[in-house]
Amino acid sequence: MALRFIGIDPESSGGNCPAVWVDDATHEIVIQGWQADEATKKRTQQDSPLLDTEGVIRVPGRMAEILRKALDDLAGS
């Protein structure tokens, strides 16, 4: 697996999640975040059914620059 670390939430304590990587082999973004609560999952399923192999996560808006960097990296590869 060719995961390349992009960044971590600058306000996380102890270096834990949320975090973002780019998979150079599959050209995908990998995101570690907080598991969404049941109300959030239920609401998202109104727009997009959730398969058993999928999950809903949350990342803070303060990570927008980190997500943009991941997207820019993928666009340039």
PDB file of N, CA and C in Angstrom:
ATOM      1  N   MET A   1       0.848  -1.177   0.000  1.00  0.00           N
ATOM      2  CA  MET A   1       0.000   0.000   0.000  1.00  0.00           C
ATOM      3  C   MET A   1       0.890   1.236   0.000  1.00  0.00           C
ATOM      4  N   ALA A   2       0.534   2.198  -0.820  1.00  0.00           N
ATOM      5  CA  ALA A   2       1.361   3.391  -0.989  1.00  0.00           C
ATOM      6  C   ALA A   2       0.706   4.616  -0.350  1.00  0.00           C
ATOM      7  N   LEU A   3       0.448   4.544   0.962  1.00  0.00           N
ATOM      8  CA  LEU A   3      -0.166   5.690   1.628  1.00  0.00           C
ATOM      9  C   LEU A   3       0.876   6.755   1.925  1.00  0.00           C
ATOM     10  N   ARG A   4       0.526   7.978   1.578  1.00  0.00           N
ATOM     11  CA  ARG A   4       1.403   9.122   1.854  1.00  0.00           C
ATOM     12  C   ARG A   4       0.663  10.064   2.795  1.00  0.00           C
ATOM     13  N   PHE A   5       1.245  10.293   3.963  1.00  0.00           N
ATOM     14  CA  PHE A   5       0.630  11.141   4.976  1.00  0.00           C
ATOM     15  C   PHE A   5       0.577  12.587   4.498  1.00  0.00           C
ATOM     16  N   ILE A   6      -0.606  13.208   4.620  1.00  0.00           N
ATOM     17  CA  ILE A   6      -0.785  14.599   4.218  1.00  0.00           C
ATOM     18  C   ILE A   6      -0.834  15.513   5.437  1.00  0.00           C
ATOM     19  N   GLY A   7      -1.615  15.145   6.435  1.00  0.00           N
ATOM     20  CA  GLY A   7      -1.686  16.001   7.605  1.00  0.00           C
ATOM     21  C   GLY A   7      -2.649  15.484   8.653  1.00  0.00           C
ATOM     22  N   ILE A   8      -2.547  16.079   9.828  1.00  0.00           N
ATOM     23  CA  ILE A   8      -3.390  15.718  10.964  1.00  0.00           C
ATOM     24  C   ILE A   8      -4.041  16.985  11.504  1.00  0.00           C
ATOM     25  N   ASP A   9      -5.169  16.830  12.137  1.00  0.00           N
ATOM     26  CA  ASP A   9      -5.871  17.957  12.736  1.00  0.00           C
ATOM     27  C   ASP A   9      -4.906  18.724  13.636  1.00  0.00           C
ATOM     28  N   PRO A  10      -4.679  19.991  13.333  1.00  0.00           N
ATOM     29  CA  PRO A  10      -3.704  20.752  14.122  1.00  0.00           C
ATOM     30  C   PRO A  10      -4.121  20.935  15.575  1.00  0.00           C
ATOM     31  N   GLU A  11      -5.379  20.682  15.882  1.00  0.00           N
ATOM     32  CA  GLU A  11      -5.837  20.826  17.261  1.00  0.00           C
ATOM     33  C   GLU A  11      -6.003  19.486  17.973  1.00  0.00           C
ATOM     34  N   SER A  12      -5.553  18.398  17.345  1.00  0.00           N
ATOM     35  CA  SER A  12      -5.680  17.100  18.009  1.00  0.00           C
ATOM     36  C   SER A  12      -4.660  16.997  19.129  1.00  0.00           C
ATOM     37  N   SER A  13      -5.054  16.342  20.187  1.00  0.00           N
ATOM     38  CA  SER A  13      -4.136  16.180  21.310  1.00  0.00           C
ATOM     39  C   SER A  13      -3.456  14.823  21.216  1.00  0.00           C
ATOM     40  N   GLY A  14      -2.185  14.798  21.454  1.00  0.00           N
ATOM     41  CA  GLY A  14      -1.459  13.537  21.435  1.00  0.00           C
ATOM     42  C   GLY A  14      -1.232  12.948  20.066  1.00  0.00           C
ATOM     43  N   GLY A  15      -1.452  13.739  19.008  1.00  0.00           N
ATOM     44  CA  GLY A  15      -1.185  13.250  17.653  1.00  0.00           C
ATOM     45  C   GLY A  15      -2.182  12.230  17.145  1.00  0.00           C
ATOM     46  N   ASN A  16      -3.394  12.210  17.705  1.00  0.00           N
ATOM     47  CA  ASN A  16      -4.384  11.248  17.206  1.00  0.00           C
ATOM     48  C   ASN A  16      -5.283  11.900  16.160  1.00  0.00           C
ATOM     49  N   CYS A  17      -6.317  11.197  15.754  1.00  0.00           N
ATOM     50  CA  CYS A  17      -7.141  11.609  14.621  1.00  0.00           C
ATOM     51  C   CYS A  17      -7.795  12.966  14.831  1.00  0.00           C
ATOM     52  N   PRO A  18      -8.368  13.537  13.808  1.00  0.00           N
ATOM     53  CA  PRO A  18      -8.462  13.104  12.416  1.00  0.00           C
ATOM     54  C   PRO A  18      -7.158  13.333  11.630  1.00  0.00           C
ATOM     55  N   ALA A  19      -7.030  12.566  10.570  1.00  0.00           N
ATOM     56  CA  ALA A  19      -5.843  12.655   9.727  1.00  0.00           C
ATOM     57  C   ALA A  19      -6.212  12.313   8.285  1.00  0.00           C
ATOM     58  N   VAL A  20      -5.334  12.697   7.352  1.00  0.00           N
ATOM     59  CA  VAL A  20      -5.582  12.497   5.923  1.00  0.00           C
ATOM     60  C   VAL A  20      -4.333  11.936   5.256  1.00  0.00           C
ATOM     61  N   TRP A  21      -4.535  10.960   4.358  1.00  0.00           N
ATOM     62  CA  TRP A  21      -3.474  10.378   3.543  1.00  0.00           C
ATOM     63  C   TRP A  21      -3.933  10.359   2.090  1.00  0.00           C
ATOM     64  N   VAL A  22      -2.997  10.228   1.183  1.00  0.00           N
ATOM     65  CA  VAL A  22      -3.280   9.971  -0.228  1.00  0.00           C
ATOM     66  C   VAL A  22      -2.696   8.611  -0.556  1.00  0.00           C
ATOM     67  N   ASP A  23      -3.497   7.779  -1.223  1.00  0.00           N
ATOM     68  CA  ASP A  23      -3.018   6.484  -1.695  1.00  0.00           C
ATOM     69  C   ASP A  23      -2.569   6.678  -3.131  1.00  0.00           C
ATOM     70  N   ASP A  24      -1.252   6.698  -3.338  1.00  0.00           N
ATOM     71  CA  ASP A  24      -0.715   6.958  -4.670  1.00  0.00           C
ATOM     72  C   ASP A  24      -0.993   5.824  -5.648  1.00  0.00           C
ATOM     73  N   ALA A  25      -1.196   4.621  -5.155  1.00  0.00           N
ATOM     74  CA  ALA A  25      -1.454   3.486  -6.044  1.00  0.00           C
ATOM     75  C   ALA A  25      -2.874   3.510  -6.600  1.00  0.00           C
ATOM     76  N   THR A  26      -3.844   3.874  -5.750  1.00  0.00           N
ATOM     77  CA  THR A  26      -5.248   3.852  -6.174  1.00  0.00           C
ATOM     78  C   THR A  26      -5.802   5.235  -6.483  1.00  0.00           C
ATOM     79  N   HIS A  27      -5.011   6.274  -6.200  1.00  0.00           N
ATOM     80  CA  HIS A  27      -5.445   7.661  -6.391  1.00  0.00           C
ATOM     81  C   HIS A  27      -6.709   7.952  -5.580  1.00  0.00           C
ATOM     82  N   GLU A  28      -6.677   7.561  -4.299  1.00  0.00           N
ATOM     83  CA  GLU A  28      -7.781   7.788  -3.380  1.00  0.00           C
ATOM     84  C   GLU A  28      -7.291   8.570  -2.169  1.00  0.00           C
ATOM     85  N   ILE A  29      -8.227   9.257  -1.539  1.00  0.00           N
ATOM     86  CA  ILE A  29      -7.947   9.942  -0.282  1.00  0.00           C
ATOM     87  C   ILE A  29      -8.413   9.037   0.848  1.00  0.00           C
ATOM     88  N   VAL A  30      -7.589   8.865   1.855  1.00  0.00           N
ATOM     89  CA  VAL A  30      -7.922   8.061   3.030  1.00  0.00           C
ATOM     90  C   VAL A  30      -8.062   9.028   4.205  1.00  0.00           C
ATOM     91  N   ILE A  31      -9.195   8.950   4.886  1.00  0.00           N
ATOM     92  CA  ILE A  31      -9.475   9.872   5.984  1.00  0.00           C
ATOM     93  C   ILE A  31      -9.762   9.095   7.256  1.00  0.00           C
ATOM     94  N   GLN A  32      -9.086   9.480   8.307  1.00  0.00           N
ATOM     95  CA  GLN A  32      -9.359   8.963   9.645  1.00  0.00           C
ATOM     96  C   GLN A  32     -10.093  10.070  10.382  1.00  0.00           C
ATOM     97  N   GLY A  33     -11.210   9.739  10.991  1.00  0.00           N
ATOM     98  CA  GLY A  33     -11.977  10.755  11.696  1.00  0.00           C
ATOM     99  C   GLY A  33     -12.823  10.148  12.794  1.00  0.00           C
ATOM    100  N   TRP A  34     -13.676  10.964  13.346  1.00  0.00           N
ATOM    101  CA  TRP A  34     -14.559  10.501  14.403  1.00  0.00           C
ATOM    102  C   TRP A  34     -15.755   9.796  13.789  1.00  0.00           C
ATOM    103  N   GLN A  35     -16.161   8.677  14.373  1.00  0.00           N
ATOM    104  CA  GLN A  35     -17.346   7.986  13.893  1.00  0.00           C
ATOM    105  C   GLN A  35     -18.565   8.873  14.096  1.00  0.00           C
ATOM    106  N   ALA A  36     -19.395   8.935  13.087  1.00  0.00           N
ATOM    107  CA  ALA A  36     -20.619   9.723  13.178  1.00  0.00           C
ATOM    108  C   ALA A  36     -21.610   9.036  14.117  1.00  0.00           C
ATOM    109  N   ASP A  37     -22.409   9.832  14.792  1.00  0.00           N
ATOM    110  CA  ASP A  37     -23.433   9.269  15.669  1.00  0.00           C
ATOM    111  C   ASP A  37     -24.582   8.707  14.826  1.00  0.00           C
ATOM    112  N   GLU A  38     -25.475   7.995  15.465  1.00  0.00           N
ATOM    113  CA  GLU A  38     -26.559   7.328  14.748  1.00  0.00           C
ATOM    114  C   GLU A  38     -27.472   8.322  14.031  1.00  0.00           C
ATOM    115  N   ALA A  39     -27.729   9.476  14.627  1.00  0.00           N
ATOM    116  CA  ALA A  39     -28.585  10.475  13.975  1.00  0.00           C
ATOM    117  C   ALA A  39     -27.952  10.972  12.682  1.00  0.00           C
ATOM    118  N   THR A  40     -26.649  11.191  12.701  1.00  0.00           N
ATOM    119  CA  THR A  40     -25.950  11.643  11.489  1.00  0.00           C
ATOM    120  C   THR A  40     -25.981  10.550  10.429  1.00  0.00           C
ATOM    121  N   LYS A  41     -25.700   9.309  10.824  1.00  0.00           N
ATOM    122  CA  LYS A  41     -25.738   8.203   9.855  1.00  0.00           C
ATOM    123  C   LYS A  41     -27.131   8.058   9.241  1.00  0.00           C
ATOM    124  N   LYS A  42     -28.145   8.145  10.084  1.00  0.00           N
ATOM    125  CA  LYS A  42     -29.520   8.021   9.585  1.00  0.00           C
ATOM    126  C   LYS A  42     -29.828   9.130   8.578  1.00  0.00           C
ATOM    127  N   ARG A  43     -29.386  10.350   8.878  1.00  0.00           N
ATOM    128  CA  ARG A  43     -29.646  11.473   7.967  1.00  0.00           C
ATOM    129  C   ARG A  43     -28.911  11.305   6.643  1.00  0.00           C
ATOM    130  N   THR A  44     -27.650  10.858   6.691  1.00  0.00           N
ATOM    131  CA  THR A  44     -26.898  10.703   5.441  1.00  0.00           C
ATOM    132  C   THR A  44     -27.517   9.620   4.554  1.00  0.00           C
ATOM    133  N   GLN A  45     -28.129   8.619   5.171  1.00  0.00           N
ATOM    134  CA  GLN A  45     -28.721   7.529   4.397  1.00  0.00           C
ATOM    135  C   GLN A  45     -29.967   7.969   3.639  1.00  0.00           C
ATOM    136  N   GLN A  46     -30.513   9.119   3.976  1.00  0.00           N
ATOM    137  CA  GLN A  46     -31.632   9.652   3.198  1.00  0.00           C
ATOM    138  C   GLN A  46     -31.167  10.039   1.793  1.00  0.00           C
ATOM    139  N   ASP A  47     -29.902  10.388   1.660  1.00  0.00           N
ATOM    140  CA  ASP A  47     -29.342  10.798   0.370  1.00  0.00           C
ATOM    141  C   ASP A  47     -28.527   9.704  -0.296  1.00  0.00           C
ATOM    142  N   SER A  48     -27.913   8.844   0.527  1.00  0.00           N
ATOM    143  CA  SER A  48     -27.016   7.822  -0.011  1.00  0.00           C
ATOM    144  C   SER A  48     -27.008   6.625   0.928  1.00  0.00           C
ATOM    145  N   PRO A  49     -27.575   5.488   0.497  1.00  0.00           N
ATOM    146  CA  PRO A  49     -27.606   4.307   1.370  1.00  0.00           C
ATOM    147  C   PRO A  49     -26.201   3.911   1.813  1.00  0.00           C
ATOM    148  N   LEU A  50     -26.098   3.453   3.048  1.00  0.00           N
ATOM    149  CA  LEU A  50     -24.822   3.066   3.625  1.00  0.00           C
ATOM    150  C   LEU A  50     -24.663   1.550   3.556  1.00  0.00           C
ATOM    151  N   LEU A  51     -23.679   1.102   2.794  1.00  0.00           N
ATOM    152  CA  LEU A  51     -23.410  -0.325   2.682  1.00  0.00           C
ATOM    153  C   LEU A  51     -22.684  -0.825   3.925  1.00  0.00           C
ATOM    154  N   ASP A  52     -22.691  -2.143   4.134  1.00  0.00           N
ATOM    155  CA  ASP A  52     -21.996  -2.725   5.281  1.00  0.00           C
ATOM    156  C   ASP A  52     -20.500  -2.447   5.253  1.00  0.00           C
ATOM    157  N   THR A  53     -19.963  -2.214   4.080  1.00  0.00           N
ATOM    158  CA  THR A  53     -18.520  -1.968   3.939  1.00  0.00           C
ATOM    159  C   THR A  53     -18.170  -0.485   4.037  1.00  0.00           C
ATOM    160  N   GLU A  54     -19.150   0.363   4.328  1.00  0.00           N
ATOM    161  CA  GLU A  54     -18.927   1.812   4.374  1.00  0.00           C
ATOM    162  C   GLU A  54     -19.149   2.356   5.781  1.00  0.00           C
ATOM    163  N   GLY A  55     -18.645   3.557   5.997  1.00  0.00           N
ATOM    164  CA  GLY A  55     -18.850   4.236   7.262  1.00  0.00           C
ATOM    165  C   GLY A  55     -18.996   5.727   7.025  1.00  0.00           C
ATOM    166  N   VAL A  56     -19.560   6.415   7.998  1.00  0.00           N
ATOM    167  CA  VAL A  56     -19.700   7.861   7.952  1.00  0.00           C
ATOM    168  C   VAL A  56     -18.788   8.426   9.035  1.00  0.00           C
ATOM    169  N   ILE A  57     -17.914   9.334   8.643  1.00  0.00           N
ATOM    170  CA  ILE A  57     -16.991   9.938   9.597  1.00  0.00           C
ATOM    171  C   ILE A  57     -17.154  11.452   9.578  1.00  0.00           C
ATOM    172  N   ARG A  58     -16.627  12.082  10.600  1.00  0.00           N
ATOM    173  CA  ARG A  58     -16.645  13.542  10.682  1.00  0.00           C
ATOM    174  C   ARG A  58     -15.210  14.040  10.789  1.00  0.00           C
ATOM    175  N   VAL A  59     -14.940  15.140  10.088  1.00  0.00           N
ATOM    176  CA  VAL A  59     -13.661  15.838  10.238  1.00  0.00           C
ATOM    177  C   VAL A  59     -13.983  17.314  10.438  1.00  0.00           C
ATOM    178  N   PRO A  60     -13.210  18.018  11.240  1.00  0.00           N
ATOM    179  CA  PRO A  60     -13.501  19.429  11.496  1.00  0.00           C
ATOM    180  C   PRO A  60     -13.180  20.309  10.296  1.00  0.00           C
ATOM    181  N   GLY A  61     -13.939  21.374  10.160  1.00  0.00           N
ATOM    182  CA  GLY A  61     -13.728  22.334   9.078  1.00  0.00           C
ATOM    183  C   GLY A  61     -12.336  22.934   9.075  1.00  0.00           C
ATOM    184  N   ARG A  62     -11.695  22.976  10.242  1.00  0.00           N
ATOM    185  CA  ARG A  62     -10.344  23.550  10.320  1.00  0.00           C
ATOM    186  C   ARG A  62      -9.337  22.720   9.522  1.00  0.00           C
ATOM    187  N   MET A  63      -9.756  21.531   9.067  1.00  0.00           N
ATOM    188  CA  MET A  63      -8.866  20.693   8.256  1.00  0.00           C
ATOM    189  C   MET A  63      -9.042  20.928   6.763  1.00  0.00           C
ATOM    190  N   ALA A  64      -9.769  21.966   6.382  1.00  0.00           N
ATOM    191  CA  ALA A  64     -10.028  22.232   4.960  1.00  0.00           C
ATOM    192  C   ALA A  64      -8.738  22.326   4.150  1.00  0.00           C
ATOM    193  N   GLU A  65      -7.730  23.010   4.669  1.00  0.00           N
ATOM    194  CA  GLU A  65      -6.466  23.148   3.929  1.00  0.00           C
ATOM    195  C   GLU A  65      -5.791  21.792   3.728  1.00  0.00           C
ATOM    196  N   ILE A  66      -5.868  20.931   4.715  1.00  0.00           N
ATOM    197  CA  ILE A  66      -5.264  19.602   4.603  1.00  0.00           C
ATOM    198  C   ILE A  66      -5.999  18.789   3.540  1.00  0.00           C
ATOM    199  N   LEU A  67      -7.331  18.874   3.528  1.00  0.00           N
ATOM    200  CA  LEU A  67      -8.106  18.174   2.502  1.00  0.00           C
ATOM    201  C   LEU A  67      -7.829  18.744   1.120  1.00  0.00           C
ATOM    202  N   ARG A  68      -7.699  20.078   1.014  1.00  0.00           N
ATOM    203  CA  ARG A  68      -7.363  20.688  -0.280  1.00  0.00           C
ATOM    204  C   ARG A  68      -6.003  20.204  -0.772  1.00  0.00           C
ATOM    205  N   LYS A  69      -5.041  20.097   0.144  1.00  0.00           N
ATOM    206  CA  LYS A  69      -3.726  19.608  -0.251  1.00  0.00           C
ATOM    207  C   LYS A  69      -3.810  18.194  -0.798  1.00  0.00           C
ATOM    208  N   ALA A  70      -4.585  17.346  -0.139  1.00  0.00           N
ATOM    209  CA  ALA A  70      -4.764  15.973  -0.623  1.00  0.00           C
ATOM    210  C   ALA A  70      -5.390  15.962  -2.009  1.00  0.00           C
ATOM    211  N   LEU A  71      -6.407  16.779  -2.214  1.00  0.00           N
ATOM    212  CA  LEU A  71      -7.056  16.857  -3.527  1.00  0.00           C
ATOM    213  C   LEU A  71      -6.103  17.403  -4.583  1.00  0.00           C
ATOM    214  N   ASP A  72      -5.351  18.429  -4.244  1.00  0.00           N
ATOM    215  CA  ASP A  72      -4.370  18.987  -5.183  1.00  0.00           C
ATOM    216  C   ASP A  72      -3.298  17.973  -5.533  1.00  0.00           C
ATOM    217  N   ASP A  73      -2.837  17.214  -4.539  1.00  0.00           N
ATOM    218  CA  ASP A  73      -1.835  16.182  -4.798  1.00  0.00           C
ATOM    219  C   ASP A  73      -2.353  15.145  -5.776  1.00  0.00           C
ATOM    220  N   LEU A  74      -3.611  14.732  -5.598  1.00  0.00           N
ATOM    221  CA  LEU A  74      -4.189  13.751  -6.504  1.00  0.00           C
ATOM    222  C   LEU A  74      -4.375  14.324  -7.899  1.00  0.00           C
ATOM    223  N   ALA A  75      -4.782  15.568  -7.992  1.00  0.00           N
ATOM    224  CA  ALA A  75      -4.995  16.195  -9.299  1.00  0.00           C
ATOM    225  C   ALA A  75      -3.680  16.321 -10.067  1.00  0.00           C
ATOM    226  N   GLY A  76      -2.590  16.469  -9.338  1.00  0.00           N
ATOM    227  CA  GLY A  76      -1.292  16.618  -9.980  1.00  0.00           C
ATOM    228  C   GLY A  76      -0.609  15.313 -10.317  1.00  0.00           C
ATOM    229  N   SER A  77      -1.194  14.204  -9.886  1.00  0.00           N
ATOM    230  CA  SER A  77      -0.509  12.922 -10.149  1.00  0.00           C
ATOM    231  C   SER A  77      -1.074  12.209 -11.353  1.00  0.00           C
TER     232      SER A  77
END
